[in-house]
C-alpha atoms as a PDB file:
ATOM      1  CA  MET A   1       0.000   0.000   0.000  1.00  0.00           C
ATOM      2  CA  ASP A   2       1.321   3.453  -0.922  1.00  0.00           C
ATOM      3  CA  ILE A   3       0.967   6.340   1.509  1.00  0.00           C
ATOM      4  CA  SER A   4       1.389  10.092   1.316  1.00  0.00           C
ATOM      5  CA  GLN A   5       4.801  11.717   1.229  1.00  0.00           C
ATOM      6  CA  ASP A   6       3.757  13.714   4.314  1.00  0.00           C
ATOM      7  CA  LYS A   7       3.553  10.667   6.608  1.00  0.00           C
ATOM      8  CA  PRO A   8       6.832   9.769   8.364  1.00  0.00           C
ATOM      9  CA  PRO A   9       8.233   6.440   7.139  1.00  0.00           C
ATOM     10  CA  LEU A  10       8.110   3.318   9.302  1.00  0.00           C
ATOM     11  CA  ALA A  11      10.671   0.531   8.886  1.00  0.00           C
ATOM     12  CA  ARG A  12       9.375  -3.014   8.772  1.00  0.00           C
ATOM     13  CA  LYS A  13      10.726  -5.061  11.691  1.00  0.00           C
ATOM     14  CA  GLU A  14       8.519  -8.190  11.668  1.00  0.00           C
ATOM     15  CA  GLY A  15       9.717 -11.169   9.650  1.00  0.00           C
ATOM     16  CA  LEU A  16      13.262  -9.842   9.315  1.00  0.00           C
ATOM     17  CA  VAL A  17      16.555 -11.113  10.688  1.00  0.00           C
ATOM     18  CA  VAL A  18      18.857  -8.123  11.208  1.00  0.00           C
ATOM     19  CA  LYS A  19      22.648  -8.210  11.519  1.00  0.00           C
ATOM     20  CA  GLU A  20      24.946  -5.171  11.648  1.00  0.00           C
ATOM     21  CA  VAL A  21      28.361  -5.690  10.058  1.00  0.00           C
ATOM     22  CA  SER A  22      31.041  -2.993   9.635  1.00  0.00           C
ATOM     23  CA  GLY A  23      28.672  -0.048   9.220  1.00  0.00           C
ATOM     24  CA  GLU A  24      26.303  -1.960   6.952  1.00  0.00           C
ATOM     25  CA  VAL A  25      23.107  -3.768   7.839  1.00  0.00           C
ATOM     26  CA  LEU A  26      22.259  -7.215   6.527  1.00  0.00           C
ATOM     27  CA  LEU A  27      18.554  -8.051   6.481  1.00  0.00           C
ATOM     28  CA  TYR A  28      17.033 -11.412   5.715  1.00  0.00           C
ATOM     29  CA  ASP A  29      13.356 -11.292   4.819  1.00  0.00           C
ATOM     30  CA  LEU A  30      11.867 -14.531   6.149  1.00  0.00           C
ATOM     31  CA  ASP A  31       8.591 -13.934   4.297  1.00  0.00           C
ATOM     32  CA  ARG A  32      10.189 -13.557   0.865  1.00  0.00           C
ATOM     33  CA  ASP A  33      13.438 -15.574   1.262  1.00  0.00           C
ATOM     34  CA  LYS A  34      15.381 -12.522   0.173  1.00  0.00           C
ATOM     35  CA  ALA A  35      18.591 -11.074   1.605  1.00  0.00           C
ATOM     36  CA  HIS A  36      19.399  -7.351   1.554  1.00  0.00           C
ATOM     37  CA  CYS A  37      22.612  -5.469   2.278  1.00  0.00           C
ATOM     38  CA  LEU A  38      22.172  -1.803   3.185  1.00  0.00           C
ATOM     39  CA  ASN A  39      25.247   0.411   2.912  1.00  0.00           C
ATOM     40  CA  GLN A  40      25.905   2.882   5.716  1.00  0.00           C
ATOM     41  CA  THR A  41      23.620   5.596   4.328  1.00  0.00           C
ATOM     42  CA  ALA A  42      20.711   3.262   3.559  1.00  0.00           C
ATOM     43  CA  ALA A  43      21.153   1.583   6.959  1.00  0.00           C
ATOM     44  CA  LEU A  44      20.965   4.919   8.752  1.00  0.00           C
ATOM     45  CA  VAL A  45      17.840   5.930   6.820  1.00  0.00           C
ATOM     46  CA  TRP A  46      16.207   2.580   7.694  1.00  0.00           C
ATOM     47  CA  LYS A  47      17.190   3.050  11.343  1.00  0.00           C
ATOM     48  CA  TYR A  48      15.535   6.480  11.470  1.00  0.00           C
ATOM     49  CA  CYS A  49      12.276   5.193   9.938  1.00  0.00           C
ATOM     50  CA  ASP A  50      10.400   5.037  13.236  1.00  0.00           C
ATOM     51  CA  GLY A  51       7.037   6.350  12.033  1.00  0.00           C
ATOM     52  CA  HIS A  52       7.622   9.677  13.811  1.00  0.00           C
ATOM     53  CA  THR A  53      10.702  11.178  12.145  1.00  0.00           C
ATOM     54  CA  SER A  54      10.063  13.250   9.018  1.00  0.00           C
ATOM     55  CA  VAL A  55      12.149  12.992   5.855  1.00  0.00           C
ATOM     56  CA  ALA A  56      13.595  16.450   6.603  1.00  0.00           C
ATOM     57  CA  ARG A  57      14.611  15.347  10.116  1.00  0.00           C
ATOM     58  CA  ILE A  58      16.135  12.114   8.767  1.00  0.00           C
ATOM     59  CA  ALA A  59      18.258  14.229   6.391  1.00  0.00           C
ATOM     60  CA  LYS A  60      19.452  16.387   9.329  1.00  0.00           C
ATOM     61  CA  SER A  61      20.300  13.277  11.364  1.00  0.00           C
ATOM     62  CA  LEU A  62      22.266  11.874   8.422  1.00  0.00           C
ATOM     63  CA  GLU A  63      24.214  15.125   8.170  1.00  0.00           C
ATOM     64  CA  GLN A  64      25.251  14.721  11.798  1.00  0.00           C
ATOM     65  CA  ASP A  65      26.123  11.021  11.405  1.00  0.00           C
ATOM     66  CA  LEU A  66      28.020  11.379   8.116  1.00  0.00           C
ATOM     67  CA  HIS A  67      29.561  14.786   8.846  1.00  0.00           C
ATOM     68  CA  THR A  68      28.533  16.066   5.420  1.00  0.00           C
ATOM     69  CA  PRO A  69      25.557  17.974   3.997  1.00  0.00           C
ATOM     70  CA  VAL A  70      22.722  15.619   3.004  1.00  0.00           C
ATOM     71  CA  ASP A  71      19.935  16.660   0.659  1.00  0.00           C
ATOM     72  CA  GLU A  72      16.428  15.295   1.292  1.00  0.00           C
ATOM     73  CA  LYS A  73      16.651  13.697  -2.180  1.00  0.00           C
ATOM     74  CA  VAL A  74      19.181  11.231  -0.738  1.00  0.00           C
ATOM     75  CA  VAL A  75      16.664  10.193   1.919  1.00  0.00           C
ATOM     76  CA  TRP A  76      13.876   9.878  -0.638  1.00  0.00           C
ATOM     77  CA  TYR A  77      16.089   7.764  -2.879  1.00  0.00           C
ATOM     78  CA  ALA A  78      16.793   5.415   0.046  1.00  0.00           C
ATOM     79  CA  LEU A  79      13.108   5.279   0.983  1.00  0.00           C
ATOM     80  CA  LEU A  80      12.165   4.332  -2.577  1.00  0.00           C
ATOM     81  CA  GLN A  81      14.664   1.460  -2.526  1.00  0.00           C
ATOM     82  CA  LEU A  82      13.551   0.313   0.915  1.00  0.00           C
ATOM     83  CA  GLY A  83       9.900   0.472  -0.124  1.00  0.00           C
ATOM     84  CA  LYS A  84      10.539  -1.453  -3.342  1.00  0.00           C
ATOM     85  CA  ASP A  85      12.205  -4.212  -1.309  1.00  0.00           C
ATOM     86  CA  HIS A  86       9.329  -4.343   1.226  1.00  0.00           C
ATOM     87  CA  LEU A  87      11.540  -3.061   4.064  1.00  0.00           C
ATOM     88  CA  LEU A  88       9.059  -0.352   5.038  1.00  0.00           C
ATOM     89  CA  GLU A  89       5.617  -0.995   6.504  1.00  0.00           C
ATOM     90  CA  GLU A  90       4.126   1.031   3.651  1.00  0.00           C
ATOM     91  CA  ARG A  91       5.615   2.390   0.431  1.00  0.00           C
ATOM     92  CA  LEU A  92       5.792   6.165   0.266  1.00  0.00           C
ATOM     93  CA  VAL A  93       4.703   8.317  -2.638  1.00  0.00           C
ATOM     94  CA  PRO A  94       7.697  10.555  -3.326  1.00  0.00           C
ATOM     95  CA  PRO A  95       7.491  14.206  -4.319  1.00  0.00           C
ATOM     96  CA  PRO A  96       7.374  14.704  -8.114  1.00  0.00           C
ATOM     97  CA  ILE A  97      11.016  15.856  -8.260  1.00  0.00           C
ATOM     98  CA  ILE A  98      12.131  12.439  -6.933  1.00  0.00           C
ATOM     99  CA  ALA A  99       9.720  10.078  -8.708  1.00  0.00           C
ATOM    100  CA  GLY A 100      11.510   7.868 -11.222  1.00  0.00           C
ATOM    101  CA  MET A 101      14.988   9.043 -10.202  1.00  0.00           C
ATOM    102  CA  ASN A 102      17.684   6.360 -10.499  1.00  0.00           C
ATOM    103  CA  ARG A 103      21.149   6.277  -8.935  1.00  0.00           C
ATOM    104  CA  ARG A 104      22.775   8.030 -11.903  1.00  0.00           C
ATOM    105  CA  ASP A 105      20.150  10.796 -11.792  1.00  0.00           C
ATOM    106  CA  MET A 106      20.701  11.111  -8.039  1.00  0.00           C
ATOM    107  CA  ILE A 107      24.462  11.567  -8.448  1.00  0.00           C
ATOM    108  CA  ARG A 108      23.918  14.056 -11.259  1.00  0.00           C
ATOM    109  CA  ALA A 109      21.354  16.052  -9.237  1.00  0.00           C
ATOM    110  CA  LEU A 110      23.427  16.181  -6.060  1.00  0.00           C
ATOM    111  CA  GLY A 111      26.876  16.507  -7.588  1.00  0.00           C
ATOM    112  CA  LEU A 112      29.998  14.385  -7.355  1.00  0.00           C
ATOM    113  CA  ALA A 113      30.355  14.931  -3.591  1.00  0.00           C
ATOM    114  CA  ALA A 114      27.160  12.942  -3.057  1.00  0.00           C
ATOM    115  CA  VAL A 115      28.712   9.693  -4.291  1.00  0.00           C
ATOM    116  CA  VAL A 116      29.778   8.881  -0.743  1.00  0.00           C
ATOM    117  CA  ALA A 117      26.282   9.438   0.618  1.00  0.00           C
ATOM    118  CA  VAL A 118      24.198   7.725  -2.094  1.00  0.00           C
ATOM    119  CA  PRO A 119      22.221   4.991  -0.341  1.00  0.00           C
ATOM    120  CA  VAL A 120      22.504   1.533  -1.813  1.00  0.00           C
ATOM    121  CA  VAL A 121      20.356  -1.510  -1.090  1.00  0.00           C
ATOM    122  CA  THR A 122      21.682  -4.690  -2.682  1.00  0.00           C
ATOM    123  CA  SER A 123      19.269  -7.619  -2.730  1.00  0.00           C
ATOM    124  CA  ILE A 124      19.448 -11.281  -3.675  1.00  0.00           C
ATOM    125  CA  VAL A 125      16.898 -14.046  -3.602  1.00  0.00           C
ATOM    126  CA  ALA A 126      18.042 -16.647  -1.100  1.00  0.00           C
ATOM    127  CA  PRO A 127      17.420 -20.286  -1.910  1.00  0.00           C
ATOM    128  CA  THR A 128      15.121 -22.292   0.294  1.00  0.00           C
ATOM    129  CA  PRO A 129      16.884 -25.144   2.135  1.00  0.00           C
ATOM    130  CA  ALA A 130      15.650 -27.626  -0.477  1.00  0.00           C
ATOM    131  CA  GLN A 131      16.948 -25.447  -3.310  1.00  0.00           C
ATOM    132  CA  ALA A 132      20.297 -24.998  -1.581  1.00  0.00           C
ATOM    133  CA  ALA A 133      20.917 -28.747  -1.370  1.00  0.00           C
ATOM    134  CA  THR A 134      23.638 -30.130  -3.631  1.00  0.00           C
ATOM    135  CA  CYS A 135      22.370 -31.591  -6.883  1.00  0.00           C
ATOM    136  CA  LEU A 136      23.664 -34.613  -8.772  1.00  0.00           C
ATOM    137  CA  PRO A 137      25.648 -34.124 -12.003  1.00  0.00           C
ATOM    138  CA  SER A 138      24.809 -35.666 -15.366  1.00  0.00           C
ATOM    139  CA  GLY A 139      25.344 -39.450 -15.343  1.00  0.00           C
ATOM    140  CA  ALA A 140      24.840 -39.853 -11.576  1.00  0.00           C
ATOM    141  CA  VAL A 141      22.414 -42.446 -10.228  1.00  0.00           C
ATOM    142  CA  CYS A 142      19.138 -40.832  -9.113  1.00  0.00           C
ATOM    143  CA  THR A 143      15.636 -41.704  -7.951  1.00  0.00           C
ATOM    144  CA  ALA A 144      13.822 -38.389  -8.627  1.00  0.00           C
ATOM    145  CA  ASP A 145      14.088 -35.417 -11.026  1.00  0.00           C
ATOM    146  CA  ALA A 146      14.680 -33.024  -8.089  1.00  0.00           C
ATOM    147  CA  GLU A 147      17.979 -34.735  -7.239  1.00  0.00           C
ATOM    148  CA  CYS A 148      19.557 -33.854 -10.598  1.00  0.00           C
ATOM    149  CA  CYS A 149      21.093 -30.478 -11.471  1.00  0.00           C
ATOM    150  CA  SER A 150      19.340 -30.793 -14.840  1.00  0.00           C
ATOM    151  CA  GLY A 151      16.042 -31.589 -13.124  1.00  0.00           C
ATOM    152  CA  LEU A 152      15.769 -34.744 -15.248  1.00  0.00           C
ATOM    153  CA  CYS A 153      16.116 -38.309 -13.911  1.00  0.00           C
ATOM    154  CA  PRO A 154      14.975 -40.609 -16.706  1.00  0.00           C
ATOM    155  CA  SER A 155      15.644 -44.319 -16.078  1.00  0.00           C
ATOM    156  CA  GLY A 156      17.500 -43.711 -12.782  1.00  0.00           C
ATOM    157  CA  THR A 157      20.342 -41.602 -14.248  1.00  0.00           C
ATOM    158  CA  CYS A 158      20.651 -37.811 -14.287  1.00  0.00           C
ATOM    159  CA  SER A 159      20.737 -36.435 -17.816  1.00  0.00           C
END
């Protein structure tokens, strides 16, 4: 569900495993079997998403944490990524100046100095335990298609 840009963002906490590592935050979404790595800037934005802190206040807090000026566009960019990856309780509708902005546009709009502060959320789909199990190579003896890397077990041999 999308909500107004005027409502303070709220980070999703349920169904996530959270681990802080060297200034980054690793999140594992138990509901979607997806892992996310938030760089320092994205991690700080996510941390400040308490449902009470405005985007403007998050930008000011980032300035203090990063010891550099931070434009609200940086916060909005992070919020869009977090919302897209279901890491906020509700996706926000950004102001028109931010809508559709990608990382390259963000760097261009904020200038070269912003490269350090551009929030990045890297995501991968994590395999389920069954998918992560080792598969059998072609020619190996098998009893079911799921055992073979090819997914084919005709006549008891992986093809």
